[in-house]
């Protein structure tokens, strides 16, 4: 039971926040004339926010210390980024959830009770139901954008990117549901997924920076090329050399995290010219933190 409950809760704590932010970024990117699309995105933003709120409520004393220390759930800048993004977009963000997450404690009394199991089952089913709808929304947006019938401030590749993340969340939950003795190694799958995600982050950052930010554009491009090399290495590597790839991926992502941390601070302090929302900068930093924890998991 412990693995099932812990993995479920930790998965929601990371991914439910990611999904609500995906919905927010899509919502913020629609022209005001597209009210129906805005309302569809806003529905999922609110629903995943409510899901996250319910998960946080039952998480204290259950989440592992590694997850809390990784800063994949919230960073020191998450709340300032939320407040600045709410001001810039007018879209409400419940930062009380982030405040509660910052106060979570690890492993101080696992509650082995039937009610907790039932609650987790319900959360898993609710999340899968919501993900089916959010995936459909993202696919609909991508289809209409590709036909030139809809505008959104997100690149088509970015929509494909967040669609893959939603599908990963759903497949992870389905895997947890089918195998209650699941381990992180089962969840890790291939590093190709996250190396591709990191590469695309660099491409998006490069494209959203103001043309005057030549140094940062060059740095982002370098990271994109390094992750492309890691992806090529992953295609050619044998099973016995996987440890070598993991070490290279970890070393690159640790450097990349420093770049993202500096970028987030620069955006919050209005020192970097870009089209990047503060919460998007914090969002990609948390994903790097998540990937680093996975790479460091033995």
Protein backbone atom coordinates (compact mmCIF):
# COMPACT_ATOMS: atom_id res chain seq x y z
CA UNK A 1 0.00 0.00 0.00
CA UNK A 2 2.80 2.42 0.88
CA UNK A 3 4.23 2.53 -2.63
CA UNK A 4 0.82 2.96 -4.22
CA UNK A 5 -0.18 5.84 -1.95
CA UNK A 6 3.21 7.59 -1.95
CA UNK A 7 3.79 7.34 -5.70
CA UNK A 8 0.26 8.49 -6.44
CA UNK A 9 0.54 11.54 -4.21
CA UNK A 10 4.02 12.49 -5.39
CA UNK A 11 2.95 12.13 -9.02
CA UNK A 12 -0.02 14.46 -8.48
CA UNK A 13 1.98 17.00 -6.50
CA UNK A 14 4.33 17.45 -9.45
CA UNK A 15 2.12 16.91 -12.47
CA UNK A 16 -1.19 18.46 -11.34
CA UNK A 17 0.64 21.76 -10.88
CA UNK A 18 2.27 21.36 -14.29
CA UNK A 19 -1.13 20.71 -15.91
CA UNK A 20 -2.86 23.69 -14.29
CA UNK A 21 -0.02 25.88 -15.54
CA UNK A 22 -0.26 24.43 -19.05
CA UNK A 23 -3.92 25.43 -19.06
CA UNK A 24 -3.03 28.90 -17.80
CA UNK A 25 -0.38 29.42 -20.49
CA UNK A 26 -2.84 28.34 -23.18
CA UNK A 27 -5.57 30.56 -21.73
CA UNK A 28 -3.24 33.57 -21.64
CA UNK A 29 -2.28 32.97 -25.28
CA UNK A 30 -5.75 33.23 -26.84
CA UNK A 31 -7.06 36.49 -28.34
CA UNK A 32 -9.95 37.93 -26.32
CA UNK A 33 -12.37 37.12 -29.18
CA UNK A 34 -11.90 33.38 -28.65
CA UNK A 35 -14.02 33.23 -25.49
CA UNK A 36 -14.98 29.56 -25.87
CA UNK A 37 -11.35 28.47 -26.09
CA UNK A 38 -10.45 30.67 -23.13
CA UNK A 39 -13.28 29.13 -21.10
CA UNK A 40 -12.22 25.59 -22.02
CA UNK A 41 -8.64 26.25 -20.91
CA UNK A 42 -9.83 28.04 -17.77
CA UNK A 43 -11.98 25.06 -16.81
CA UNK A 44 -8.96 22.77 -16.71
CA UNK A 45 -6.85 25.38 -14.93
CA UNK A 46 -9.45 25.52 -12.16
CA UNK A 47 -10.00 21.75 -12.04
CA UNK A 48 -6.31 20.88 -11.77
CA UNK A 49 -5.86 23.62 -9.18
CA UNK A 50 -8.63 22.04 -7.11
CA UNK A 51 -7.10 18.59 -7.59
CA UNK A 52 -3.71 19.88 -6.42
CA UNK A 53 -5.33 21.53 -3.40
CA UNK A 54 -6.92 18.22 -2.37
CA UNK A 55 -3.64 16.34 -2.81
CA UNK A 56 -1.67 18.86 -0.76
CA UNK A 57 -4.24 18.49 2.03
CA UNK A 58 -3.36 14.79 2.50
CA UNK A 59 0.37 15.00 1.70
CA UNK A 60 1.99 16.06 4.94
CA UNK A 61 4.09 13.29 6.44
CA UNK A 62 3.75 11.10 3.35
CA UNK A 63 5.95 12.67 0.67
CA UNK A 64 9.58 11.54 0.55
CA UNK A 65 12.32 13.91 1.66
CA UNK A 66 14.00 13.58 -1.77
CA UNK A 67 10.93 15.02 -3.49
CA UNK A 68 10.64 17.92 -1.06
CA UNK A 69 14.36 18.73 -1.23
CA UNK A 70 14.41 18.58 -5.04
CA UNK A 71 12.29 21.75 -5.35
CA UNK A 72 10.32 20.14 -8.15
CA UNK A 73 7.06 20.97 -6.36
CA UNK A 74 7.76 24.60 -5.51
CA UNK A 75 10.91 26.72 -5.71
CA UNK A 76 11.84 29.77 -3.67
CA UNK A 77 10.51 31.85 -6.57
CA UNK A 78 7.22 30.05 -7.28
CA UNK A 79 5.01 32.36 -5.22
CA UNK A 80 6.57 35.62 -6.54
CA UNK A 81 6.28 34.17 -10.07
CA UNK A 82 2.62 33.29 -9.48
CA UNK A 83 1.80 36.74 -8.15
CA UNK A 84 3.60 38.52 -10.99
CA UNK A 85 1.93 36.29 -13.59
CA UNK A 86 -1.49 36.87 -12.07
CA UNK A 87 -0.85 40.63 -12.25
CA UNK A 88 0.32 40.46 -15.88
CA UNK A 89 -2.44 38.16 -17.20
CA UNK A 90 -5.38 38.82 -14.89
CA UNK A 91 -5.79 35.06 -14.47
CA UNK A 92 -6.30 34.10 -10.80
CA UNK A 93 -3.74 31.84 -9.14
CA UNK A 94 -4.23 30.38 -5.67
CA UNK A 95 -0.81 30.88 -4.09
CA UNK A 96 -2.07 29.52 -0.77
CA UNK A 97 -1.55 26.07 -2.26
CA UNK A 98 2.13 26.88 -2.87
CA UNK A 99 2.44 28.24 0.66
CA UNK A 100 1.06 24.97 2.06
CA UNK A 101 3.42 22.94 -0.12
CA UNK A 102 6.40 24.85 1.23
CA UNK A 103 5.41 23.69 4.72
CA UNK A 104 5.04 19.99 3.90
CA UNK A 105 7.10 17.61 6.03
CA UNK A 106 8.47 14.26 4.94
CA UNK A 107 7.76 10.82 6.32
CA UNK A 108 6.56 11.71 9.80
CA UNK A 109 3.91 9.04 10.15
CA UNK A 110 2.47 7.15 7.19
CA UNK A 111 -1.25 6.71 7.75
CA UNK A 112 -2.05 3.11 6.78
CA UNK A 113 -5.80 3.43 6.72
CA UNK A 114 -8.55 2.45 4.34
CA UNK A 115 -9.91 5.98 4.06
CA UNK A 116 -6.58 7.29 2.75
CA UNK A 117 -6.45 4.49 0.17
CA UNK A 118 -9.98 5.32 -0.95
CA UNK A 119 -9.13 9.03 -1.21
CA UNK A 120 -6.05 8.28 -3.32
CA UNK A 121 -8.09 5.97 -5.57
CA UNK A 122 -10.60 8.76 -6.13
CA UNK A 123 -7.86 11.30 -6.86
CA UNK A 124 -6.26 8.97 -9.40
CA UNK A 125 -9.55 8.37 -11.18
CA UNK A 126 -10.38 12.09 -11.16
CA UNK A 127 -6.97 12.98 -12.56
CA UNK A 128 -7.26 10.45 -15.40
CA UNK A 129 -10.72 11.79 -16.24
CA UNK A 130 -9.42 15.38 -16.31
CA UNK A 131 -6.35 14.37 -18.32
CA UNK A 132 -8.53 12.77 -20.99
CA UNK A 133 -10.28 16.11 -21.38
CA UNK A 134 -7.13 18.23 -21.26
CA UNK A 135 -5.41 16.01 -23.83
CA UNK A 136 -8.43 16.39 -26.09
CA UNK A 137 -8.30 20.19 -25.66
CA UNK A 138 -4.60 20.32 -26.54
CA UNK A 139 -5.17 18.12 -29.59
CA UNK A 140 -8.07 20.33 -30.69
CA UNK A 141 -5.95 23.48 -30.32
CA UNK A 142 -3.09 21.93 -32.26
CA UNK A 143 -5.44 20.84 -35.04
CA UNK A 144 -7.06 24.27 -35.40
CA UNK A 145 -3.73 26.11 -35.18
CA UNK A 146 -2.22 23.86 -37.87
CA UNK A 147 -5.15 24.67 -40.18
CA UNK A 148 -4.72 28.40 -39.63
CA UNK A 149 -8.16 28.63 -37.98
CA UNK A 150 -6.99 29.58 -34.49
CA UNK A 151 -4.28 31.72 -32.94
CA UNK A 152 -2.48 30.96 -29.70
CA UNK A 153 0.63 32.59 -28.29
CA UNK A 154 2.27 29.17 -27.86
CA UNK A 155 4.39 27.64 -30.61
CA UNK A 156 2.82 24.56 -32.24
CA UNK A 157 5.86 22.59 -31.00
CA UNK A 158 5.16 23.84 -27.48
CA UNK A 159 1.58 22.57 -27.72
CA UNK A 160 2.91 19.17 -28.84
CA UNK A 161 5.40 19.36 -25.96
CA UNK A 162 2.76 19.93 -23.27
CA UNK A 163 0.56 17.30 -24.91
CA UNK A 164 3.31 14.70 -24.44
CA UNK A 165 3.69 15.70 -20.79
CA UNK A 166 -0.05 15.25 -20.21
CA UNK A 167 0.11 11.81 -21.81
CA UNK A 168 3.08 10.91 -19.58
CA UNK A 169 1.09 11.93 -16.49
CA UNK A 170 -1.84 9.80 -17.62
CA UNK A 171 0.26 6.75 -18.49
CA UNK A 172 2.10 7.05 -15.16
CA UNK A 173 -1.20 7.02 -13.26
CA UNK A 174 -2.46 4.06 -15.28
CA UNK A 175 0.79 2.23 -14.49
CA UNK A 176 0.47 2.99 -10.79
CA UNK A 177 -3.12 1.79 -10.81
CA UNK A 178 -2.22 -1.49 -12.52
CA UNK A 179 0.85 -2.26 -10.40
CA UNK A 180 0.67 -1.16 -6.77
CA UNK A 181 4.25 -2.27 -6.09
CA UNK A 182 5.61 0.13 -8.70
CA UNK A 183 9.07 1.64 -8.24
CA UNK A 184 10.77 4.75 -9.60
CA UNK A 185 12.77 2.61 -12.00
CA UNK A 186 9.48 1.52 -13.58
CA UNK A 187 8.42 5.15 -13.83
CA UNK A 188 11.69 6.42 -15.26
CA UNK A 189 11.35 4.62 -18.57
CA UNK A 190 13.82 6.17 -20.96
CA UNK A 191 15.89 9.30 -20.49
CA UNK A 192 15.06 10.19 -24.07
CA UNK A 193 11.72 11.66 -23.00
CA UNK A 194 13.20 14.14 -20.53
CA UNK A 195 16.25 14.94 -22.65
CA UNK A 196 13.83 15.84 -25.44
CA UNK A 197 11.79 17.96 -23.02
CA UNK A 198 14.96 19.77 -21.89
CA UNK A 199 16.05 20.33 -25.49
CA UNK A 200 12.67 21.81 -26.39
CA UNK A 201 12.77 24.08 -23.33
CA UNK A 202 16.00 25.52 -24.71
CA UNK A 203 14.42 26.01 -28.14
CA UNK A 204 11.40 27.77 -26.62
CA UNK A 205 13.58 29.98 -24.41
CA UNK A 206 15.70 30.88 -27.43
CA UNK A 207 12.60 31.83 -29.42
CA UNK A 208 10.91 33.81 -26.64
CA UNK A 209 13.91 35.95 -25.73
CA UNK A 210 14.09 39.45 -27.16
CA UNK A 211 16.47 39.60 -30.16
CA UNK A 212 18.66 41.99 -28.15
CA UNK A 213 19.46 39.20 -25.66
CA UNK A 214 22.17 37.78 -27.91
CA UNK A 215 24.23 36.13 -25.16
CA UNK A 216 21.25 34.33 -23.62
CA UNK A 217 20.00 33.27 -27.05
CA UNK A 218 23.42 31.80 -27.76
CA UNK A 219 23.50 30.01 -24.40
CA UNK A 220 20.01 28.56 -24.96
CA UNK A 221 21.05 27.36 -28.39
CA UNK A 222 24.11 25.64 -26.91
CA UNK A 223 21.92 23.76 -24.44
CA UNK A 224 19.58 22.71 -27.26
CA UNK A 225 22.53 21.30 -29.22
CA UNK A 226 23.92 19.47 -26.16
CA UNK A 227 20.60 17.75 -25.51
CA UNK A 228 20.33 16.87 -29.17
CA UNK A 229 23.69 15.10 -28.81
CA UNK A 230 22.40 13.24 -25.75
CA UNK A 231 19.36 12.12 -27.74
CA UNK A 232 21.61 10.87 -30.55
CA UNK A 233 23.75 9.07 -27.97
CA UNK A 234 20.63 7.44 -26.55
CA UNK A 235 19.75 6.01 -29.97
CA UNK A 236 23.14 4.38 -30.41
CA UNK A 237 24.02 3.32 -26.87
CA UNK A 238 23.97 -0.30 -25.68
CA UNK A 239 22.33 -1.44 -22.43
CA UNK A 240 25.71 -1.74 -20.76
CA UNK A 241 26.48 1.93 -21.44
CA UNK A 242 23.29 3.40 -19.96
CA UNK A 243 25.14 4.55 -16.85
CA UNK A 244 27.42 6.66 -19.04
CA UNK A 245 24.42 8.36 -20.64
CA UNK A 246 22.83 8.98 -17.23
CA UNK A 247 26.00 10.66 -15.94
CA UNK A 248 26.20 12.89 -19.02
CA UNK A 249 22.50 13.77 -18.77
CA UNK A 250 22.85 14.61 -15.09
CA UNK A 251 25.93 16.77 -15.62
CA UNK A 252 24.24 18.71 -18.43
CA UNK A 253 20.98 19.17 -16.53
CA UNK A 254 22.75 20.47 -13.44
CA UNK A 255 24.37 23.14 -15.62
CA UNK A 256 21.04 23.80 -17.30
CA UNK A 257 19.36 24.29 -13.92
CA UNK A 258 21.82 27.09 -13.12
CA UNK A 259 20.94 28.75 -16.43
CA UNK A 260 17.21 28.47 -15.71
CA UNK A 261 17.62 29.76 -12.14
CA UNK A 262 19.49 32.82 -13.39
CA UNK A 263 16.89 33.34 -16.11
CA UNK A 264 14.01 33.15 -13.64
CA UNK A 265 15.65 35.72 -11.37
CA UNK A 266 16.35 37.99 -14.34
CA UNK A 267 12.75 37.81 -15.53
CA UNK A 268 11.34 38.47 -12.04
CA UNK A 269 13.69 41.44 -11.63
CA UNK A 270 12.82 42.78 -15.12
CA UNK A 271 16.46 42.48 -16.17
CA UNK A 272 15.81 40.18 -19.15
CA UNK A 273 13.81 41.29 -22.19
CA UNK A 274 11.53 38.47 -23.34
CA UNK A 275 8.01 37.17 -23.92
CA UNK A 276 8.45 34.67 -21.07
CA UNK A 277 5.90 34.81 -18.26
CA UNK A 278 7.56 34.57 -14.82
CA UNK A 279 5.56 31.43 -14.03
CA UNK A 280 6.75 29.78 -17.26
CA UNK A 281 10.35 30.43 -16.19
CA UNK A 282 9.63 28.83 -12.80
CA UNK A 283 7.73 26.00 -14.51
CA UNK A 284 10.69 24.91 -16.67
CA UNK A 285 13.02 25.15 -13.67
CA UNK A 286 10.81 22.77 -11.68
CA UNK A 287 10.83 20.31 -14.56
CA UNK A 288 14.64 20.38 -14.58
CA UNK A 289 14.62 19.78 -10.81
CA UNK A 290 12.26 16.83 -11.32
CA UNK A 291 14.50 15.32 -13.99
CA UNK A 292 17.60 15.75 -11.82
CA UNK A 293 15.91 13.86 -8.99
CA UNK A 294 14.98 11.03 -11.35
CA UNK A 295 18.54 10.84 -12.65
CA UNK A 296 19.89 10.74 -9.10
CA UNK A 297 17.42 8.05 -7.95
CA UNK A 298 19.26 4.78 -7.43
